[in-house]
Amino acid sequence: MIDRKVIRFFRKHHVLTIATTVDGEPWCANCFYVYLEEENALVFTTGSETRHGKEFEMNPLVAGSVVLETMVIGKIRGIQFQGTVSEPEGDMVSKSKTAYLRRFPVAALMDTRLWIVKLTFIKMTDNRLGFGKKIVWTCN
């Protein structure tokens, strides 16, 4: 079961950094996202012409992060994650689109291509719980 602190953190924030690797070449990009709790997944949009969009199709294994920017050491919080990225299929098409547009209504004006990261590993650092305190979740 995922710790509620992780869920609250994902819900509170809206920008992720996602990293790809193809042929030994790493790349990362920043995207707006929405968290789907029931699926433990992140939904975001990016064009198929972007480098990371092309690389998702070549290697769906990704890593990423969501962080709180702060200069106060005692308030540092952030999540590092791993997962598998794909385009939504079946019921997930409407569910992910509805959730994304609810969070980012302006996206309705754009030609959006949705992607989902099904999370397989999460490590949250929360210094408010003690310096360097980690909460770890792994898909069973």
Protein backbone atom coordinates (compact mmCIF):
# COMPACT_ATOMS: atom_id res chain seq x y z
CA MET A 1 0.00 0.00 0.00
CA ILE A 2 1.28 3.43 -0.90
CA ASP A 3 1.87 5.82 1.99
CA ARG A 4 -0.70 8.64 2.07
CA LYS A 5 2.16 11.18 2.27
CA VAL A 6 3.26 10.09 -1.20
CA ILE A 7 -0.28 10.41 -2.57
CA ARG A 8 -0.75 13.87 -1.04
CA PHE A 9 2.59 15.01 -2.46
CA PHE A 10 1.74 13.81 -5.98
CA ARG A 11 -1.65 15.54 -5.76
CA LYS A 12 -0.22 18.82 -4.47
CA HIS A 13 2.30 19.24 -7.29
CA HIS A 14 1.86 19.43 -11.04
CA VAL A 15 5.26 19.28 -12.83
CA LEU A 16 7.33 16.16 -13.24
CA THR A 17 10.73 15.57 -14.78
CA ILE A 18 10.81 12.40 -16.85
CA ALA A 19 13.98 10.70 -18.08
CA THR A 20 14.46 8.35 -21.00
CA THR A 21 17.43 6.36 -22.26
CA VAL A 22 17.89 5.08 -25.79
CA ASP A 23 21.16 3.60 -27.10
CA GLY A 24 22.93 4.68 -23.92
CA GLU A 25 21.95 8.34 -24.39
CA PRO A 26 19.97 9.84 -21.48
CA TRP A 27 17.41 12.62 -21.89
CA CYS A 28 14.94 14.37 -19.63
CA ALA A 29 11.95 16.67 -20.02
CA ASN A 30 9.50 18.52 -17.78
CA CYS A 31 5.75 18.02 -18.18
CA PHE A 32 2.56 18.94 -16.37
CA TYR A 33 0.94 15.85 -14.86
CA VAL A 34 -2.03 14.59 -12.88
CA TYR A 35 -1.86 11.62 -10.49
CA LEU A 36 -4.40 8.79 -10.74
CA GLU A 37 -4.51 7.17 -7.31
CA GLU A 38 -6.47 4.04 -8.21
CA GLU A 39 -4.03 3.20 -10.99
CA ASN A 40 -0.95 4.56 -9.20
CA ALA A 41 -0.07 6.31 -12.42
CA LEU A 42 0.95 9.72 -13.70
CA VAL A 43 -0.83 11.16 -16.74
CA PHE A 44 0.88 13.81 -18.84
CA THR A 45 0.95 15.09 -22.38
CA THR A 46 3.69 15.62 -24.89
CA GLY A 47 3.94 15.60 -28.64
CA SER A 48 5.13 12.61 -30.65
CA GLU A 49 7.68 14.88 -32.36
CA THR A 50 9.53 15.64 -29.12
CA ARG A 51 12.69 13.71 -28.35
CA HIS A 52 11.20 12.09 -25.25
CA GLY A 53 7.95 11.31 -27.10
CA LYS A 54 9.91 9.42 -29.76
CA GLU A 55 12.03 7.70 -27.13
CA PHE A 56 8.99 6.42 -25.18
CA GLU A 57 8.22 4.28 -28.22
CA MET A 58 11.77 2.90 -28.37
CA ASN A 59 12.15 2.22 -24.64
CA PRO A 60 9.11 2.50 -22.35
CA LEU A 61 11.15 2.24 -19.13
CA VAL A 62 11.45 5.69 -17.57
CA ALA A 63 12.55 7.39 -14.39
CA GLY A 64 11.58 10.75 -13.04
CA SER A 65 11.06 13.11 -10.17
CA VAL A 66 8.65 15.57 -8.63
CA VAL A 67 10.20 18.05 -6.22
CA LEU A 68 9.39 20.91 -3.90
CA GLU A 69 11.75 23.82 -4.50
CA THR A 70 13.01 25.19 -1.22
CA MET A 71 16.25 26.52 0.25
CA VAL A 72 15.23 25.35 3.73
CA ILE A 73 16.95 22.00 4.39
CA GLY A 74 14.32 20.95 6.94
CA LYS A 75 11.52 21.37 4.39
CA ILE A 76 13.07 19.41 1.50
CA ARG A 77 10.63 16.96 -0.05
CA GLY A 78 10.62 15.12 -3.31
CA ILE A 79 9.84 11.93 -5.13
CA GLN A 80 11.99 9.85 -7.42
CA PHE A 81 10.19 7.21 -9.46
CA GLN A 82 10.53 4.49 -12.04
CA GLY A 83 7.83 3.16 -14.29
CA THR A 84 6.64 2.09 -17.68
CA VAL A 85 5.21 4.69 -20.04
CA SER A 86 2.53 4.03 -22.65
CA GLU A 87 -0.42 5.66 -24.31
CA PRO A 88 -3.73 5.03 -22.53
CA GLU A 89 -5.93 2.27 -23.91
CA GLY A 90 -9.51 1.16 -23.38
CA ASP A 91 -11.24 2.73 -20.37
CA MET A 92 -8.04 4.58 -19.48
CA VAL A 93 -8.38 6.86 -22.52
CA SER A 94 -11.43 8.69 -21.18
CA LYS A 95 -10.39 8.42 -17.52
CA SER A 96 -6.96 9.91 -18.12
CA LYS A 97 -8.24 12.61 -20.48
CA THR A 98 -10.98 13.65 -18.05
CA ALA A 99 -8.53 13.83 -15.13
CA TYR A 100 -5.94 15.75 -17.14
CA LEU A 101 -8.42 18.30 -18.51
CA ARG A 102 -9.97 18.79 -15.08
CA ARG A 103 -6.52 19.74 -13.75
CA PHE A 104 -5.40 21.66 -16.87
CA PRO A 105 -8.50 22.96 -18.72
CA VAL A 106 -6.38 25.00 -21.14
CA ALA A 107 -5.14 21.69 -22.61
CA ALA A 108 -8.56 21.32 -24.25
CA LEU A 109 -7.46 24.03 -26.70
CA MET A 110 -4.39 22.08 -27.79
CA ASP A 111 -3.78 18.94 -29.76
CA THR A 112 -2.77 16.71 -26.86
CA ARG A 113 -1.25 13.25 -26.88
CA LEU A 114 -1.64 11.67 -23.48
CA TRP A 115 0.81 9.30 -21.89
CA ILE A 116 0.63 7.29 -18.66
CA VAL A 117 3.50 6.25 -16.42
CA LYS A 118 2.49 3.14 -14.50
CA LEU A 119 4.67 3.50 -11.40
CA THR A 120 6.79 0.52 -10.36
CA PHE A 121 9.06 2.18 -7.77
CA ILE A 122 8.69 5.32 -5.63
CA LYS A 123 11.16 6.82 -3.19
CA MET A 124 10.02 9.91 -1.32
CA THR A 125 12.40 12.03 0.73
CA ASP A 126 10.72 14.14 3.42
CA ASN A 127 13.08 16.03 5.71
CA ARG A 128 10.12 17.22 7.80
CA LEU A 129 10.01 13.67 9.18
CA GLY A 130 13.73 13.75 10.01
CA PHE A 131 16.81 14.57 7.98
CA GLY A 132 17.01 12.26 4.97
CA LYS A 133 13.86 10.31 5.91
CA LYS A 134 12.80 8.07 3.02
CA ILE A 135 9.49 6.39 2.24
CA VAL A 136 9.95 3.60 -0.32
CA TRP A 137 7.28 1.73 -2.30
CA THR A 138 7.92 -1.05 -4.83
CA CYS A 139 5.40 -2.74 -7.08
CA ASN A 140 4.92 -6.34 -5.93
